[in-house]
Amino acid sequence: MMASEAGFDVAAFCRDCHVADVERFIERCCALYDVLVMTNKQYNLTRIDSPEGYWTKHVADSLAIAKYYPELAQKHLRMADIGCGAGFPALVLALAFPKLWIMAVDSTGKKIKFVQQAAAILELKNLRTTHGRAGELNRLEDWKEYYQVITARAVAPAAKIYGETANMLDPLDGRYILYKTPEHVQADLPEMTALTTAEGLSWGCSEEFELPNQAGRRQFLHSN
């Protein structure tokens, strides 16, 4: 499966998102696609399995976070991807940014098993997986105040994610960066501001943007 099947300039998009070795990244994303398609025939991991859908709604959607938060591409950071599903964004970000150390979390066994297997096949040293519920992991001492970035993509309202992960966030330099649509940001932003003001957290958002191939508008909600 070639990136030329994406219907947009994948290499240019990657450069905009601060991917250092674009050619190598695209090559490995092609390998990930092959693994995804093969496994999807058995386990129905995702409804998006066409080349165009993969590059647009899995790769580009996952990668866009680094365009607006370039520190993810540049710094050594510990990230938790809550409700990682079939590994998006966790697998894509781990492939793109070797300085990121990512914990992919999901409560569905078949999905976390796929992420684990894909990471092994792709020899990703900077990604680990945990099968479990965030609310339960949030109570574990080993997870307390450990992560510098907590993210989630199309999982739940921000208030739910925050309630299930607040203990995990590094209190000194940790932040939430959540994948949203503009409609979700409009609903979540005032709620999160009211919910966490007493905790010393403030919230903001990225600008709105359109995915390639007019695949939908997106926006990120972040804590400061």
C-alpha atoms as a PDB file:
ATOM      1  CA  MET A   1       0.000   0.000   0.000  1.00  0.00           C
ATOM      2  CA  MET A   2       1.546   3.258  -1.168  1.00  0.00           C
ATOM      3  CA  ALA A   3       1.150   6.725   0.332  1.00  0.00           C
ATOM      4  CA  SER A   4       0.210   7.912  -3.166  1.00  0.00           C
ATOM      5  CA  GLU A   5      -3.143   6.206  -2.605  1.00  0.00           C
ATOM      6  CA  ALA A   6      -3.935   8.651   0.183  1.00  0.00           C
ATOM      7  CA  GLY A   7      -5.368  11.326  -2.092  1.00  0.00           C
ATOM      8  CA  PHE A   8      -3.203  14.056  -0.539  1.00  0.00           C
ATOM      9  CA  ASP A   9       0.500  14.879  -0.166  1.00  0.00           C
ATOM     10  CA  VAL A  10       1.384  12.691   2.812  1.00  0.00           C
ATOM     11  CA  ALA A  11       5.045  13.758   2.864  1.00  0.00           C
ATOM     12  CA  ALA A  12       4.170  17.458   3.007  1.00  0.00           C
ATOM     13  CA  PHE A  13       1.669  16.804   5.805  1.00  0.00           C
ATOM     14  CA  CYS A  14       4.333  14.921   7.754  1.00  0.00           C
ATOM     15  CA  ARG A  15       6.791  17.783   7.385  1.00  0.00           C
ATOM     16  CA  ASP A  16       4.135  20.206   8.665  1.00  0.00           C
ATOM     17  CA  CYS A  17       3.824  17.939  11.715  1.00  0.00           C
ATOM     18  CA  HIS A  18       7.586  18.003  12.380  1.00  0.00           C
ATOM     19  CA  VAL A  19       8.347  14.398  11.436  1.00  0.00           C
ATOM     20  CA  ALA A  20      12.134  14.241  11.103  1.00  0.00           C
ATOM     21  CA  ASP A  21      12.563  11.177   8.874  1.00  0.00           C
ATOM     22  CA  VAL A  22       9.519  11.403   6.611  1.00  0.00           C
ATOM     23  CA  GLU A  23      10.516   8.659   4.191  1.00  0.00           C
ATOM     24  CA  ARG A  24      11.141   6.153   6.986  1.00  0.00           C
ATOM     25  CA  PHE A  25       7.925   7.126   8.741  1.00  0.00           C
ATOM     26  CA  ILE A  26       5.811   6.606   5.611  1.00  0.00           C
ATOM     27  CA  GLU A  27       7.485   3.266   4.959  1.00  0.00           C
ATOM     28  CA  ARG A  28       6.664   2.061   8.461  1.00  0.00           C
ATOM     29  CA  CYS A  29       3.087   3.364   8.237  1.00  0.00           C
ATOM     30  CA  CYS A  30       2.688   1.238   5.102  1.00  0.00           C
ATOM     31  CA  ALA A  31       3.862  -1.766   7.108  1.00  0.00           C
ATOM     32  CA  LEU A  32       1.399  -0.910   9.873  1.00  0.00           C
ATOM     33  CA  TYR A  33      -1.412  -0.763   7.326  1.00  0.00           C
ATOM     34  CA  ASP A  34      -0.596  -4.268   6.114  1.00  0.00           C
ATOM     35  CA  VAL A  35      -0.716  -5.599   9.685  1.00  0.00           C
ATOM     36  CA  LEU A  36      -3.965  -3.732  10.374  1.00  0.00           C
ATOM     37  CA  VAL A  37      -5.725  -5.057   7.268  1.00  0.00           C
ATOM     38  CA  MET A  38      -4.629  -8.625   7.941  1.00  0.00           C
ATOM     39  CA  THR A  39      -5.756  -8.528  11.581  1.00  0.00           C
ATOM     40  CA  ASN A  40      -8.956  -6.630  10.785  1.00  0.00           C
ATOM     41  CA  LYS A  41     -10.190  -9.589   8.735  1.00  0.00           C
ATOM     42  CA  GLN A  42     -10.242 -11.644  11.930  1.00  0.00           C
ATOM     43  CA  TYR A  43     -11.123  -9.199  14.682  1.00  0.00           C
ATOM     44  CA  ASN A  44     -12.896  -6.180  13.142  1.00  0.00           C
ATOM     45  CA  LEU A  45     -10.621  -3.648  14.821  1.00  0.00           C
ATOM     46  CA  THR A  46     -11.708  -0.665  12.747  1.00  0.00           C
ATOM     47  CA  ARG A  47     -14.219   0.259  10.065  1.00  0.00           C
ATOM     48  CA  ILE A  48     -11.596   2.396   8.319  1.00  0.00           C
ATOM     49  CA  ASP A  49      -9.543   0.028   6.186  1.00  0.00           C
ATOM     50  CA  SER A  50      -9.276   1.659   2.744  1.00  0.00           C
ATOM     51  CA  PRO A  51      -5.925   3.251   1.873  1.00  0.00           C
ATOM     52  CA  GLU A  52      -7.432   6.745   1.697  1.00  0.00           C
ATOM     53  CA  GLY A  53      -9.296   6.289   4.964  1.00  0.00           C
ATOM     54  CA  TYR A  54      -6.187   4.931   6.673  1.00  0.00           C
ATOM     55  CA  TRP A  55      -3.928   7.821   5.669  1.00  0.00           C
ATOM     56  CA  THR A  56      -6.564  10.467   6.344  1.00  0.00           C
ATOM     57  CA  LYS A  57      -8.498   9.305   9.405  1.00  0.00           C
ATOM     58  CA  HIS A  58      -5.830   7.234  11.121  1.00  0.00           C
ATOM     59  CA  VAL A  59      -2.413   8.626  10.179  1.00  0.00           C
ATOM     60  CA  ALA A  60      -3.125  12.312   9.490  1.00  0.00           C
ATOM     61  CA  ASP A  61      -5.690  12.630  12.263  1.00  0.00           C
ATOM     62  CA  SER A  62      -3.268  11.058  14.766  1.00  0.00           C
ATOM     63  CA  LEU A  63      -0.249  13.020  13.581  1.00  0.00           C
ATOM     64  CA  ALA A  64      -1.866  16.473  13.519  1.00  0.00           C
ATOM     65  CA  ILE A  65      -1.330  16.935  17.255  1.00  0.00           C
ATOM     66  CA  ALA A  66       2.369  17.615  16.651  1.00  0.00           C
ATOM     67  CA  LYS A  67       1.628  20.461  14.251  1.00  0.00           C
ATOM     68  CA  TYR A  68      -0.030  22.384  17.059  1.00  0.00           C
ATOM     69  CA  TYR A  69       2.125  21.075  19.917  1.00  0.00           C
ATOM     70  CA  PRO A  70       5.594  20.675  18.353  1.00  0.00           C
ATOM     71  CA  GLU A  71       7.163  19.849  21.709  1.00  0.00           C
ATOM     72  CA  LEU A  72       5.788  16.337  21.195  1.00  0.00           C
ATOM     73  CA  ALA A  73       8.194  15.930  18.290  1.00  0.00           C
ATOM     74  CA  GLN A  74      11.139  17.555  20.016  1.00  0.00           C
ATOM     75  CA  LYS A  75      11.213  16.556  23.688  1.00  0.00           C
ATOM     76  CA  HIS A  76      11.520  13.395  25.744  1.00  0.00           C
ATOM     77  CA  LEU A  77       8.005  13.151  27.187  1.00  0.00           C
ATOM     78  CA  ARG A  78       5.968  10.432  28.857  1.00  0.00           C
ATOM     79  CA  MET A  79       2.526  10.167  27.250  1.00  0.00           C
ATOM     80  CA  ALA A  80      -0.536   8.074  28.092  1.00  0.00           C
ATOM     81  CA  ASP A  81      -3.009   7.394  25.278  1.00  0.00           C
ATOM     82  CA  ILE A  82      -6.289   6.629  27.034  1.00  0.00           C
ATOM     83  CA  GLY A  83      -8.684   4.371  25.117  1.00  0.00           C
ATOM     84  CA  CYS A  84      -6.132   3.792  22.372  1.00  0.00           C
ATOM     85  CA  GLY A  85      -8.373   1.425  20.399  1.00  0.00           C
ATOM     86  CA  ALA A  86      -6.458  -0.104  17.496  1.00  0.00           C
ATOM     87  CA  GLY A  87      -3.477   2.129  18.278  1.00  0.00           C
ATOM     88  CA  PHE A  88      -4.407   5.528  16.931  1.00  0.00           C
ATOM     89  CA  PRO A  89      -2.797   7.841  17.862  1.00  0.00           C
ATOM     90  CA  ALA A  90      -0.344   5.749  19.948  1.00  0.00           C
ATOM     91  CA  LEU A  91       1.222   3.696  17.150  1.00  0.00           C
ATOM     92  CA  VAL A  92       1.456   6.603  14.713  1.00  0.00           C
ATOM     93  CA  LEU A  93       3.030   8.937  17.274  1.00  0.00           C
ATOM     94  CA  ALA A  94       5.492   6.283  18.414  1.00  0.00           C
ATOM     95  CA  LEU A  95       6.532   5.718  14.790  1.00  0.00           C
ATOM     96  CA  ALA A  96       6.900   9.427  14.104  1.00  0.00           C
ATOM     97  CA  PHE A  97       8.612  10.625  17.278  1.00  0.00           C
ATOM     98  CA  PRO A  98      11.174   8.309  18.878  1.00  0.00           C
ATOM     99  CA  LYS A  99      11.704  10.704  21.820  1.00  0.00           C
ATOM    100  CA  LEU A 100       8.125  10.147  22.978  1.00  0.00           C
ATOM    101  CA  TRP A 101       7.572   7.298  25.436  1.00  0.00           C
ATOM    102  CA  ILE A 102       3.959   6.176  25.095  1.00  0.00           C
ATOM    103  CA  MET A 103       1.718   3.982  27.224  1.00  0.00           C
ATOM    104  CA  ALA A 104      -1.283   2.779  25.211  1.00  0.00           C
ATOM    105  CA  VAL A 105      -4.268   1.951  27.437  1.00  0.00           C
ATOM    106  CA  ASP A 106      -7.477   0.184  26.485  1.00  0.00           C
ATOM    107  CA  SER A 107     -10.023  -2.011  28.231  1.00  0.00           C
ATOM    108  CA  THR A 108     -10.716  -4.143  25.131  1.00  0.00           C
ATOM    109  CA  GLY A 109      -8.396  -7.119  25.056  1.00  0.00           C
ATOM    110  CA  LYS A 110      -8.335  -7.745  21.299  1.00  0.00           C
ATOM    111  CA  LYS A 111      -7.413  -4.136  20.595  1.00  0.00           C
ATOM    112  CA  ILE A 112      -4.607  -3.917  23.131  1.00  0.00           C
ATOM    113  CA  LYS A 113      -3.293  -7.262  21.886  1.00  0.00           C
ATOM    114  CA  PHE A 114      -3.169  -5.868  18.349  1.00  0.00           C
ATOM    115  CA  VAL A 115      -1.300  -2.739  19.474  1.00  0.00           C
ATOM    116  CA  GLN A 116       1.178  -4.910  21.353  1.00  0.00           C
ATOM    117  CA  GLN A 117       1.724  -7.171  18.346  1.00  0.00           C
ATOM    118  CA  ALA A 118       2.039  -4.257  15.916  1.00  0.00           C
ATOM    119  CA  ALA A 119       4.586  -2.578  18.191  1.00  0.00           C
ATOM    120  CA  ALA A 120       6.610  -5.800  18.266  1.00  0.00           C
ATOM    121  CA  ILE A 121       6.484  -6.251  14.485  1.00  0.00           C
ATOM    122  CA  LEU A 122       7.515  -2.633  13.926  1.00  0.00           C
ATOM    123  CA  GLU A 123      10.179  -2.882  16.651  1.00  0.00           C
ATOM    124  CA  LEU A 124       8.835   0.100  18.541  1.00  0.00           C
ATOM    125  CA  LYS A 125      10.954   0.520  21.659  1.00  0.00           C
ATOM    126  CA  ASN A 126       9.068   3.603  22.844  1.00  0.00           C
ATOM    127  CA  LEU A 127       5.577   2.107  23.199  1.00  0.00           C
ATOM    128  CA  ARG A 128       4.109  -0.103  25.904  1.00  0.00           C
ATOM    129  CA  THR A 129       0.559  -1.349  26.407  1.00  0.00           C
ATOM    130  CA  THR A 130      -1.748  -1.854  29.370  1.00  0.00           C
ATOM    131  CA  HIS A 131      -5.023  -3.749  29.303  1.00  0.00           C
ATOM    132  CA  GLY A 132      -7.293  -2.064  31.823  1.00  0.00           C
ATOM    133  CA  ARG A 133      -9.671   0.733  32.695  1.00  0.00           C
ATOM    134  CA  ALA A 134      -8.240   4.190  33.236  1.00  0.00           C
ATOM    135  CA  GLY A 135     -10.242   4.738  36.409  1.00  0.00           C
ATOM    136  CA  GLU A 136      -8.655   1.667  37.990  1.00  0.00           C
ATOM    137  CA  LEU A 137      -5.132   2.500  36.812  1.00  0.00           C
ATOM    138  CA  ASN A 138      -5.615   6.019  38.162  1.00  0.00           C
ATOM    139  CA  ARG A 139      -5.585   4.585  41.694  1.00  0.00           C
ATOM    140  CA  LEU A 140      -2.292   2.722  41.297  1.00  0.00           C
ATOM    141  CA  GLU A 141       0.763   4.145  43.033  1.00  0.00           C
ATOM    142  CA  ASP A 142       3.054   3.399  40.066  1.00  0.00           C
ATOM    143  CA  TRP A 143       0.886   5.567  37.818  1.00  0.00           C
ATOM    144  CA  LYS A 144       0.626   8.498  40.213  1.00  0.00           C
ATOM    145  CA  GLU A 145       1.844  11.826  38.773  1.00  0.00           C
ATOM    146  CA  TYR A 146       3.851   9.974  36.119  1.00  0.00           C
ATOM    147  CA  TYR A 147       2.671  11.267  32.736  1.00  0.00           C
ATOM    148  CA  GLN A 148       3.623  14.598  31.218  1.00  0.00           C
ATOM    149  CA  VAL A 149       1.005  14.322  28.475  1.00  0.00           C
ATOM    150  CA  ILE A 150      -2.365  12.591  28.677  1.00  0.00           C
ATOM    151  CA  THR A 151      -4.253  12.303  25.425  1.00  0.00           C
ATOM    152  CA  ALA A 152      -7.383  10.591  24.145  1.00  0.00           C
ATOM    153  CA  ARG A 153      -8.975  10.484  20.711  1.00  0.00           C
ATOM    154  CA  ALA A 154     -12.725  10.132  20.205  1.00  0.00           C
ATOM    155  CA  VAL A 155     -13.165   8.365  23.538  1.00  0.00           C
ATOM    156  CA  ALA A 156     -15.312  10.378  25.964  1.00  0.00           C
ATOM    157  CA  PRO A 157     -16.124  13.908  27.144  1.00  0.00           C
ATOM    158  CA  ALA A 158     -13.157  15.717  28.668  1.00  0.00           C
ATOM    159  CA  ALA A 159     -14.713  15.695  32.143  1.00  0.00           C
ATOM    160  CA  LYS A 160     -14.884  11.890  32.137  1.00  0.00           C
ATOM    161  CA  ILE A 161     -11.302  11.531  30.933  1.00  0.00           C
ATOM    162  CA  TYR A 162     -10.107  14.001  33.557  1.00  0.00           C
ATOM    163  CA  GLY A 163     -12.041  12.268  36.332  1.00  0.00           C
ATOM    164  CA  GLU A 164     -10.470   8.928  35.446  1.00  0.00           C
ATOM    165  CA  THR A 165      -6.878  10.123  34.972  1.00  0.00           C
ATOM    166  CA  ALA A 166      -6.228  13.202  37.132  1.00  0.00           C
ATOM    167  CA  ASN A 167      -3.911  11.349  39.515  1.00  0.00           C
ATOM    168  CA  MET A 168      -1.719  10.232  36.596  1.00  0.00           C
ATOM    169  CA  LEU A 169      -0.755  13.739  35.490  1.00  0.00           C
ATOM    170  CA  ASP A 170       2.630  15.167  36.475  1.00  0.00           C
ATOM    171  CA  PRO A 171       1.714  18.205  38.615  1.00  0.00           C
ATOM    172  CA  LEU A 172       4.812  20.174  37.627  1.00  0.00           C
ATOM    173  CA  ASP A 173       4.777  20.106  33.836  1.00  0.00           C
ATOM    174  CA  GLY A 174       1.971  17.741  32.841  1.00  0.00           C
ATOM    175  CA  ARG A 175      -0.875  18.665  30.546  1.00  0.00           C
ATOM    176  CA  TYR A 176      -3.874  17.225  28.785  1.00  0.00           C
ATOM    177  CA  ILE A 177      -4.042  17.433  24.990  1.00  0.00           C
ATOM    178  CA  LEU A 178      -7.291  15.874  23.803  1.00  0.00           C
ATOM    179  CA  TYR A 179      -8.419  15.161  20.233  1.00  0.00           C
ATOM    180  CA  LYS A 180     -11.804  16.791  19.621  1.00  0.00           C
ATOM    181  CA  THR A 181     -14.163  18.187  17.047  1.00  0.00           C
ATOM    182  CA  PRO A 182     -14.993  21.907  17.312  1.00  0.00           C
ATOM    183  CA  GLU A 183     -18.449  20.959  18.580  1.00  0.00           C
ATOM    184  CA  HIS A 184     -16.933  18.896  21.368  1.00  0.00           C
ATOM    185  CA  VAL A 185     -14.558  21.710  22.323  1.00  0.00           C
ATOM    186  CA  GLN A 186     -17.482  24.120  22.508  1.00  0.00           C
ATOM    187  CA  ALA A 187     -19.202  21.783  24.968  1.00  0.00           C
ATOM    188  CA  ASP A 188     -16.143  20.690  26.942  1.00  0.00           C
ATOM    189  CA  LEU A 189     -14.225  23.935  27.384  1.00  0.00           C
ATOM    190  CA  PRO A 190     -16.621  25.774  29.738  1.00  0.00           C
ATOM    191  CA  GLU A 191     -17.298  22.571  31.676  1.00  0.00           C
ATOM    192  CA  MET A 192     -13.610  21.879  32.220  1.00  0.00           C
ATOM    193  CA  THR A 193     -12.930  25.485  33.201  1.00  0.00           C
ATOM    194  CA  ALA A 194     -15.627  25.306  35.872  1.00  0.00           C
ATOM    195  CA  LEU A 195     -14.573  21.835  37.003  1.00  0.00           C
ATOM    196  CA  THR A 196     -10.856  22.438  37.485  1.00  0.00           C
ATOM    197  CA  THR A 197     -10.428  26.104  38.420  1.00  0.00           C
ATOM    198  CA  ALA A 198     -10.045  25.141  42.071  1.00  0.00           C
ATOM    199  CA  GLU A 199      -7.391  22.599  41.040  1.00  0.00           C
ATOM    200  CA  GLY A 200      -5.284  25.320  39.448  1.00  0.00           C
ATOM    201  CA  LEU A 201      -5.840  24.134  35.878  1.00  0.00           C
ATOM    202  CA  SER A 202      -6.847  26.416  33.035  1.00  0.00           C
ATOM    203  CA  TRP A 203      -7.894  25.284  29.586  1.00  0.00           C
ATOM    204  CA  GLY A 204      -7.554  26.422  26.012  1.00  0.00           C
ATOM    205  CA  CYS A 205      -7.761  25.050  22.501  1.00  0.00           C
ATOM    206  CA  SER A 206      -5.937  24.972  19.203  1.00  0.00           C
ATOM    207  CA  GLU A 207      -7.305  26.589  16.098  1.00  0.00           C
ATOM    208  CA  GLU A 208      -9.807  24.564  14.100  1.00  0.00           C
ATOM    209  CA  PHE A 209      -8.445  22.695  11.101  1.00  0.00           C
ATOM    210  CA  GLU A 210      -9.693  20.460   8.307  1.00  0.00           C
ATOM    211  CA  LEU A 211      -8.328  16.957   7.804  1.00  0.00           C
ATOM    212  CA  PRO A 212      -7.014  16.159   4.311  1.00  0.00           C
ATOM    213  CA  ASN A 213      -9.595  15.193   1.702  1.00  0.00           C
ATOM    214  CA  GLN A 214     -12.189  17.228   3.628  1.00  0.00           C
ATOM    215  CA  ALA A 215     -12.498  14.319   6.056  1.00  0.00           C
ATOM    216  CA  GLY A 216     -13.762  16.438   8.928  1.00  0.00           C
ATOM    217  CA  ARG A 217     -12.925  19.385  11.124  1.00  0.00           C
ATOM    218  CA  ARG A 218     -10.790  18.893  14.213  1.00  0.00           C
ATOM    219  CA  GLN A 219      -9.524  20.838  17.181  1.00  0.00           C
ATOM    220  CA  PHE A 220      -7.471  20.082  20.285  1.00  0.00           C
ATOM    221  CA  LEU A 221      -8.501  20.866  23.844  1.00  0.00           C
ATOM    222  CA  HIS A 222      -5.570  21.369  26.205  1.00  0.00           C
ATOM    223  CA  SER A 223      -4.838  22.224  29.794  1.00  0.00           C
ATOM    224  CA  ASN A 224      -2.276  24.911  30.568  1.00  0.00           C
END
